[in-house]
PDB file of N, CA and C in Angstrom:
ATOM      1  N   MET A   1      10.141  49.109  12.106  1.00  0.00           N
ATOM      2  CA  MET A   1       9.576  50.477  11.821  1.00  0.00           C
ATOM      3  C   MET A   1       8.669  50.559  10.596  1.00  0.00           C
ATOM      4  N   ASN A   2       9.199  49.845   9.615  1.00  0.00           N
ATOM      5  CA  ASN A   2       8.705  50.017   8.359  1.00  0.00           C
ATOM      6  C   ASN A   2       7.111  49.323   8.266  1.00  0.00           C
ATOM      7  N   THR A   3       6.977  47.982   9.073  1.00  0.00           N
ATOM      8  CA  THR A   3       5.870  47.561   9.316  1.00  0.00           C
ATOM      9  C   THR A   3       4.986  48.501  10.159  1.00  0.00           C
ATOM     10  N   GLU A   4       5.410  49.126  11.216  1.00  0.00           N
ATOM     11  CA  GLU A   4       4.629  49.999  12.244  1.00  0.00           C
ATOM     12  C   GLU A   4       4.062  50.937  11.054  1.00  0.00           C
ATOM     13  N   LEU A   5       4.732  51.621  10.449  1.00  0.00           N
ATOM     14  CA  LEU A   5       4.349  52.732   9.369  1.00  0.00           C
ATOM     15  C   LEU A   5       3.221  52.127   8.288  1.00  0.00           C
ATOM     16  N   GLU A   6       3.404  50.863   7.897  1.00  0.00           N
ATOM     17  CA  GLU A   6       2.652  50.199   7.115  1.00  0.00           C
ATOM     18  C   GLU A   6       1.097  50.269   7.749  1.00  0.00           C
ATOM     19  N   THR A   7       1.042  49.582   8.952  1.00  0.00           N
ATOM     20  CA  THR A   7       0.142  49.513   9.802  1.00  0.00           C
ATOM     21  C   THR A   7      -0.677  50.988  10.082  1.00  0.00           C
ATOM     22  N   LEU A   8      -0.087  51.793  10.650  1.00  0.00           N
ATOM     23  CA  LEU A   8      -0.471  53.156  10.723  1.00  0.00           C
ATOM     24  C   LEU A   8      -1.409  53.735   9.315  1.00  0.00           C
ATOM     25  N   GLU A   9      -0.676  53.751   8.187  1.00  0.00           N
ATOM     26  CA  GLU A   9      -1.210  54.187   6.999  1.00  0.00           C
ATOM     27  C   GLU A   9      -2.480  53.482   6.607  1.00  0.00           C
ATOM     28  N   ALA A  10      -2.117  52.041   6.883  1.00  0.00           N
ATOM     29  CA  ALA A  10      -3.720  51.525   6.678  1.00  0.00           C
ATOM     30  C   ALA A  10      -4.803  51.513   7.710  1.00  0.00           C
ATOM     31  N   LYS A  11      -4.421  52.129   8.844  1.00  0.00           N
ATOM     32  CA  LYS A  11      -5.320  52.640   9.789  1.00  0.00           C
ATOM     33  C   LYS A  11      -5.891  54.004   9.370  1.00  0.00           C
ATOM     34  N   ILE A  12      -4.929  54.726   9.108  1.00  0.00           N
ATOM     35  CA  ILE A  12      -5.465  56.249   8.517  1.00  0.00           C
ATOM     36  C   ILE A  12      -6.269  55.878   7.105  1.00  0.00           C
ATOM     37  N   ASP A  13      -5.924  55.126   6.255  1.00  0.00           N
ATOM     38  CA  ASP A  13      -6.947  54.902   5.417  1.00  0.00           C
ATOM     39  C   ASP A  13      -8.407  54.448   5.642  1.00  0.00           C
ATOM     40  N   GLN A  14      -8.383  53.305   6.747  1.00  0.00           N
ATOM     41  CA  GLN A  14      -9.667  53.084   7.358  1.00  0.00           C
ATOM     42  C   GLN A  14     -10.224  54.373   7.735  1.00  0.00           C
ATOM     43  N   VAL A  15      -9.455  55.186   8.411  1.00  0.00           N
ATOM     44  CA  VAL A  15     -10.598  56.443   9.062  1.00  0.00           C
ATOM     45  C   VAL A  15     -11.058  57.150   7.764  1.00  0.00           C
ATOM     46  N   VAL A  16     -10.049  57.542   6.883  1.00  0.00           N
ATOM     47  CA  VAL A  16     -10.310  58.481   5.949  1.00  0.00           C
ATOM     48  C   VAL A  16     -11.779  57.795   5.180  1.00  0.00           C
ATOM     49  N   ALA A  17     -11.826  56.444   4.658  1.00  0.00           N
ATOM     50  CA  ALA A  17     -12.877  55.907   4.232  1.00  0.00           C
ATOM     51  C   ALA A  17     -14.266  56.048   5.146  1.00  0.00           C
ATOM     52  N   LEU A  18     -14.052  55.935   6.336  1.00  0.00           N
ATOM     53  CA  LEU A  18     -15.193  55.793   7.457  1.00  0.00           C
ATOM     54  C   LEU A  18     -15.587  57.480   7.234  1.00  0.00           C
ATOM     55  N   VAL A  19     -14.922  58.172   7.406  1.00  0.00           N
ATOM     56  CA  VAL A  19     -15.029  59.422   7.187  1.00  0.00           C
ATOM     57  C   VAL A  19     -15.961  59.988   5.761  1.00  0.00           C
ATOM     58  N   HIS A  20     -15.260  59.315   4.932  1.00  0.00           N
ATOM     59  CA  HIS A  20     -16.015  59.701   3.465  1.00  0.00           C
ATOM     60  C   HIS A  20     -17.510  59.397   3.635  1.00  0.00           C
ATOM     61  N   GLN A  21     -17.649  57.724   4.261  1.00  0.00           N
ATOM     62  CA  GLN A  21     -18.940  57.173   4.341  1.00  0.00           C
ATOM     63  C   GLN A  21     -19.921  57.780   5.124  1.00  0.00           C
ATOM     64  N   LEU A  22     -19.336  58.147   6.392  1.00  0.00           N
ATOM     65  CA  LEU A  22     -20.432  58.998   7.239  1.00  0.00           C
ATOM     66  C   LEU A  22     -21.040  60.659   6.329  1.00  0.00           C
ATOM     67  N   ARG A  23     -19.953  60.938   5.822  1.00  0.00           N
ATOM     68  CA  ARG A  23     -20.292  62.107   5.116  1.00  0.00           C
ATOM     69  C   ARG A  23     -21.673  61.867   4.212  1.00  0.00           C
ATOM     70  N   ALA A  24     -21.233  60.841   3.299  1.00  0.00           N
ATOM     71  CA  ALA A  24     -22.193  60.463   2.282  1.00  0.00           C
ATOM     72  C   ALA A  24     -23.590  60.195   2.916  1.00  0.00           C
ATOM     73  N   GLU A  25     -23.629  59.230   3.951  1.00  0.00           N
ATOM     74  CA  GLU A  25     -24.730  59.124   4.833  1.00  0.00           C
ATOM     75  C   GLU A  25     -25.284  60.230   5.447  1.00  0.00           C
ATOM     76  N   ASN A  26     -24.831  60.958   6.224  1.00  0.00           N
ATOM     77  CA  ASN A  26     -25.085  62.348   6.681  1.00  0.00           C
ATOM     78  C   ASN A  26     -25.811  63.062   5.779  1.00  0.00           C
ATOM     79  N   GLU A  27     -25.332  63.265   4.420  1.00  0.00           N
ATOM     80  CA  GLU A  27     -26.026  63.917   3.480  1.00  0.00           C
ATOM     81  C   GLU A  27     -27.350  63.403   2.848  1.00  0.00           C
ATOM     82  N   VAL A  28     -27.224  61.651   3.020  1.00  0.00           N
ATOM     83  CA  VAL A  28     -28.191  61.323   2.470  1.00  0.00           C
ATOM     84  C   VAL A  28     -29.409  61.535   3.532  1.00  0.00           C
ATOM     85  N   LEU A  29     -29.330  61.359   4.847  1.00  0.00           N
ATOM     86  CA  LEU A  29     -30.102  61.598   5.834  1.00  0.00           C
ATOM     87  C   LEU A  29     -30.662  63.250   5.913  1.00  0.00           C
ATOM     88  N   LYS A  30     -29.913  63.964   5.558  1.00  0.00           N
ATOM     89  CA  LYS A  30     -30.244  65.589   5.765  1.00  0.00           C
ATOM     90  C   LYS A  30     -31.108  65.632   4.232  1.00  0.00           C
ATOM     91  N   ASN A  31     -30.948  64.944   3.359  1.00  0.00           N
ATOM     92  CA  ASN A  31     -32.006  64.698   2.036  1.00  0.00           C
ATOM     93  C   ASN A  31     -33.456  64.393   2.387  1.00  0.00           C
ATOM     94  N   GLN A  32     -33.202  63.288   3.331  1.00  0.00           N
ATOM     95  CA  GLN A  32     -34.575  62.325   3.675  1.00  0.00           C
ATOM     96  C   GLN A  32     -35.227  63.592   4.738  1.00  0.00           C
ATOM     97  N   MET A  33     -34.517  64.207   5.569  1.00  0.00           N
ATOM     98  CA  MET A  33     -35.248  65.156   6.654  1.00  0.00           C
ATOM     99  C   MET A  33     -35.699  66.614   5.685  1.00  0.00           C
ATOM    100  N   ALA A  34     -35.163  66.491   5.005  1.00  0.00           N
ATOM    101  CA  ALA A  34     -36.018  67.611   4.066  1.00  0.00           C
ATOM    102  C   ALA A  34     -37.092  67.360   3.294  1.00  0.00           C
ATOM    103  N   ALA A  35     -37.118  65.955   2.899  1.00  0.00           N
ATOM    104  CA  ALA A  35     -38.086  65.801   2.317  1.00  0.00           C
ATOM    105  C   ALA A  35     -39.357  65.298   3.170  1.00  0.00           C
ATOM    106  N   ALA A  36     -39.074  64.860   4.015  1.00  0.00           N
ATOM    107  CA  ALA A  36     -40.110  64.799   5.087  1.00  0.00           C
ATOM    108  C   ALA A  36     -40.472  65.830   5.974  1.00  0.00           C
ATOM    109  N   GLU A  37     -39.629  66.987   6.070  1.00  0.00           N
ATOM    110  CA  GLU A  37     -40.082  68.235   6.478  1.00  0.00           C
ATOM    111  C   GLU A  37     -41.293  68.900   5.148  1.00  0.00           C
ATOM    112  N   ALA A  38     -40.989  68.770   4.047  1.00  0.00           N
ATOM    113  CA  ALA A  38     -41.748  69.456   3.235  1.00  0.00           C
ATOM    114  C   ALA A  38     -42.890  68.513   3.071  1.00  0.00           C
ATOM    115  N   GLU A  39     -42.998  66.974   3.387  1.00  0.00           N
ATOM    116  CA  GLU A  39     -44.142  66.277   3.264  1.00  0.00           C
ATOM    117  C   GLU A  39     -45.023  66.614   4.309  1.00  0.00           C
ATOM    118  N   ARG A  40     -44.502  66.988   5.523  1.00  0.00           N
ATOM    119  CA  ARG A  40     -45.336  67.167   6.683  1.00  0.00           C
ATOM    120  C   ARG A  40     -45.765  68.776   6.531  1.00  0.00           C
ATOM    121  N   LEU A  41     -45.275  69.590   5.718  1.00  0.00           N
ATOM    122  CA  LEU A  41     -45.974  70.975   5.663  1.00  0.00           C
ATOM    123  C   LEU A  41     -47.124  70.491   4.785  1.00  0.00           C
ATOM    124  N   HIS A  42     -46.613  69.858   3.507  1.00  0.00           N
ATOM    125  CA  HIS A  42     -47.763  69.866   2.803  1.00  0.00           C
ATOM    126  C   HIS A  42     -49.214  69.249   3.383  1.00  0.00           C
ATOM    127  N   LEU A  43     -48.954  68.120   4.242  1.00  0.00           N
ATOM    128  CA  LEU A  43     -49.938  67.397   5.068  1.00  0.00           C
ATOM    129  C   LEU A  43     -50.505  68.532   5.784  1.00  0.00           C
ATOM    130  N   ARG A  44     -50.006  69.034   6.507  1.00  0.00           N
ATOM    131  CA  ARG A  44     -50.394  70.112   7.417  1.00  0.00           C
ATOM    132  C   ARG A  44     -51.326  71.004   6.668  1.00  0.00           C
ATOM    133  N   GLN A  45     -50.920  71.441   5.515  1.00  0.00           N
ATOM    134  CA  GLN A  45     -51.800  72.599   4.782  1.00  0.00           C
ATOM    135  C   GLN A  45     -53.004  71.852   4.311  1.00  0.00           C
ATOM    136  N   THR A  46     -53.175  70.611   3.737  1.00  0.00           N
ATOM    137  CA  THR A  46     -53.922  69.895   3.329  1.00  0.00           C
ATOM    138  C   THR A  46     -54.836  69.693   4.574  1.00  0.00           C
ATOM    139  N   MET A  47     -54.639  69.282   5.581  1.00  0.00           N
ATOM    140  CA  MET A  47     -55.698  69.382   6.947  1.00  0.00           C
ATOM    141  C   MET A  47     -56.164  70.726   7.170  1.00  0.00           C
ATOM    142  N   THR A  48     -55.266  71.727   7.105  1.00  0.00           N
ATOM    143  CA  THR A  48     -56.210  72.956   7.583  1.00  0.00           C
ATOM    144  C   THR A  48     -56.932  73.301   6.304  1.00  0.00           C
ATOM    145  N   THR A  49     -56.798  73.158   4.999  1.00  0.00           N
ATOM    146  CA  THR A  49     -57.830  73.246   3.944  1.00  0.00           C
ATOM    147  C   THR A  49     -59.071  72.101   4.351  1.00  0.00           C
ATOM    148  N   ALA A  50     -58.948  71.047   4.523  1.00  0.00           N
ATOM    149  CA  ALA A  50     -59.831  70.158   4.809  1.00  0.00           C
ATOM    150  C   ALA A  50     -60.737  70.616   6.005  1.00  0.00           C
ATOM    151  N   ARG A  51     -59.651  71.380   7.211  1.00  0.00           N
ATOM    152  CA  ARG A  51     -60.846  71.708   8.098  1.00  0.00           C
ATOM    153  C   ARG A  51     -61.561  72.797   7.942  1.00  0.00           C
ATOM    154  N   GLU A  52     -61.246  73.809   6.862  1.00  0.00           N
ATOM    155  CA  GLU A  52     -61.797  75.076   6.668  1.00  0.00           C
ATOM    156  C   GLU A  52     -62.950  74.577   5.819  1.00  0.00           C
ATOM    157  N   ARG A  53     -63.085  73.535   5.094  1.00  0.00           N
ATOM    158  CA  ARG A  53     -63.971  73.038   4.290  1.00  0.00           C
ATOM    159  C   ARG A  53     -65.190  72.754   5.011  1.00  0.00           C
ATOM    160  N   LEU A  54     -64.713  71.587   5.748  1.00  0.00           N
ATOM    161  CA  LEU A  54     -65.761  71.345   6.953  1.00  0.00           C
ATOM    162  C   LEU A  54     -66.434  72.213   7.694  1.00  0.00           C
ATOM    163  N   GLU A  55     -65.518  73.067   8.198  1.00  0.00           N
ATOM    164  CA  GLU A  55     -66.460  74.198   9.229  1.00  0.00           C
ATOM    165  C   GLU A  55     -67.068  74.834   8.168  1.00  0.00           C
ATOM    166  N   GLY A  56     -67.110  75.163   6.938  1.00  0.00           N
ATOM    167  CA  GLY A  56     -67.937  76.101   6.275  1.00  0.00           C
ATOM    168  C   GLY A  56     -69.309  75.290   6.157  1.00  0.00           C
ATOM    169  N   LEU A  57     -68.940  73.562   5.985  1.00  0.00           N
ATOM    170  CA  LEU A  57     -70.235  72.848   5.384  1.00  0.00           C
ATOM    171  C   LEU A  57     -70.965  72.890   6.686  1.00  0.00           C
ATOM    172  N   MET A  58     -70.218  72.774   8.106  1.00  0.00           N
ATOM    173  CA  MET A  58     -71.176  72.970   9.120  1.00  0.00           C
ATOM    174  C   MET A  58     -71.837  74.208   9.410  1.00  0.00           C
ATOM    175  N   ASP A  59     -71.252  75.462   9.059  1.00  0.00           N
ATOM    176  CA  ASP A  59     -72.157  76.426   8.906  1.00  0.00           C
ATOM    177  C   ASP A  59     -73.059  76.696   8.444  1.00  0.00           C
ATOM    178  N   LYS A  60     -73.243  75.812   7.042  1.00  0.00           N
ATOM    179  CA  LYS A  60     -74.874  75.794   6.178  1.00  0.00           C
ATOM    180  C   LYS A  60     -75.686  74.692   6.746  1.00  0.00           C
ATOM    181  N   ILE A  61     -75.114  74.149   7.808  1.00  0.00           N
ATOM    182  CA  ILE A  61     -76.110  72.904   8.411  1.00  0.00           C
ATOM    183  C   ILE A  61     -77.310  73.918   8.975  1.00  0.00           C
ATOM    184  N   PRO A  62     -78.471  73.578   8.805  1.00  0.00           N
ATOM    185  CA  PRO A  62     -79.515  74.171   9.871  1.00  0.00           C
ATOM    186  C   PRO A  62     -79.492  73.725  11.270  1.00  0.00           C
ATOM    187  N   GLU A  63     -78.934  74.538  12.391  1.00  0.00           N
ATOM    188  CA  GLU A  63     -78.937  73.976  13.560  1.00  0.00           C
ATOM    189  C   GLU A  63     -80.268  73.428  14.250  1.00  0.00           C
ATOM    190  N   ASP A  64     -81.377  73.496  13.685  1.00  0.00           N
ATOM    191  CA  ASP A  64     -82.464  72.829  14.210  1.00  0.00           C
ATOM    192  C   ASP A  64     -82.808  71.811  13.670  1.00  0.00           C
ATOM    193  N   VAL A  65     -81.801  70.969  13.146  1.00  0.00           N
ATOM    194  CA  VAL A  65     -81.928  69.223  12.521  1.00  0.00           C
ATOM    195  C   VAL A  65     -81.339  68.542  13.708  1.00  0.00           C
TER     196      VAL A  65
END
């Protein structure tokens, strides 16, 4: 009986350790996703600015050239 309880305790310890590991990994992934989203928004803003500048330059080019 004592051996069975020790085995069960060891398995529970493994599960608890795995839960802690997965929570830590999940937190890292959440941070990576937030950083990627921020970069995506920045790149989108940069592209919008570049498009607007290009459109402005194209408006200045005479059409008969």
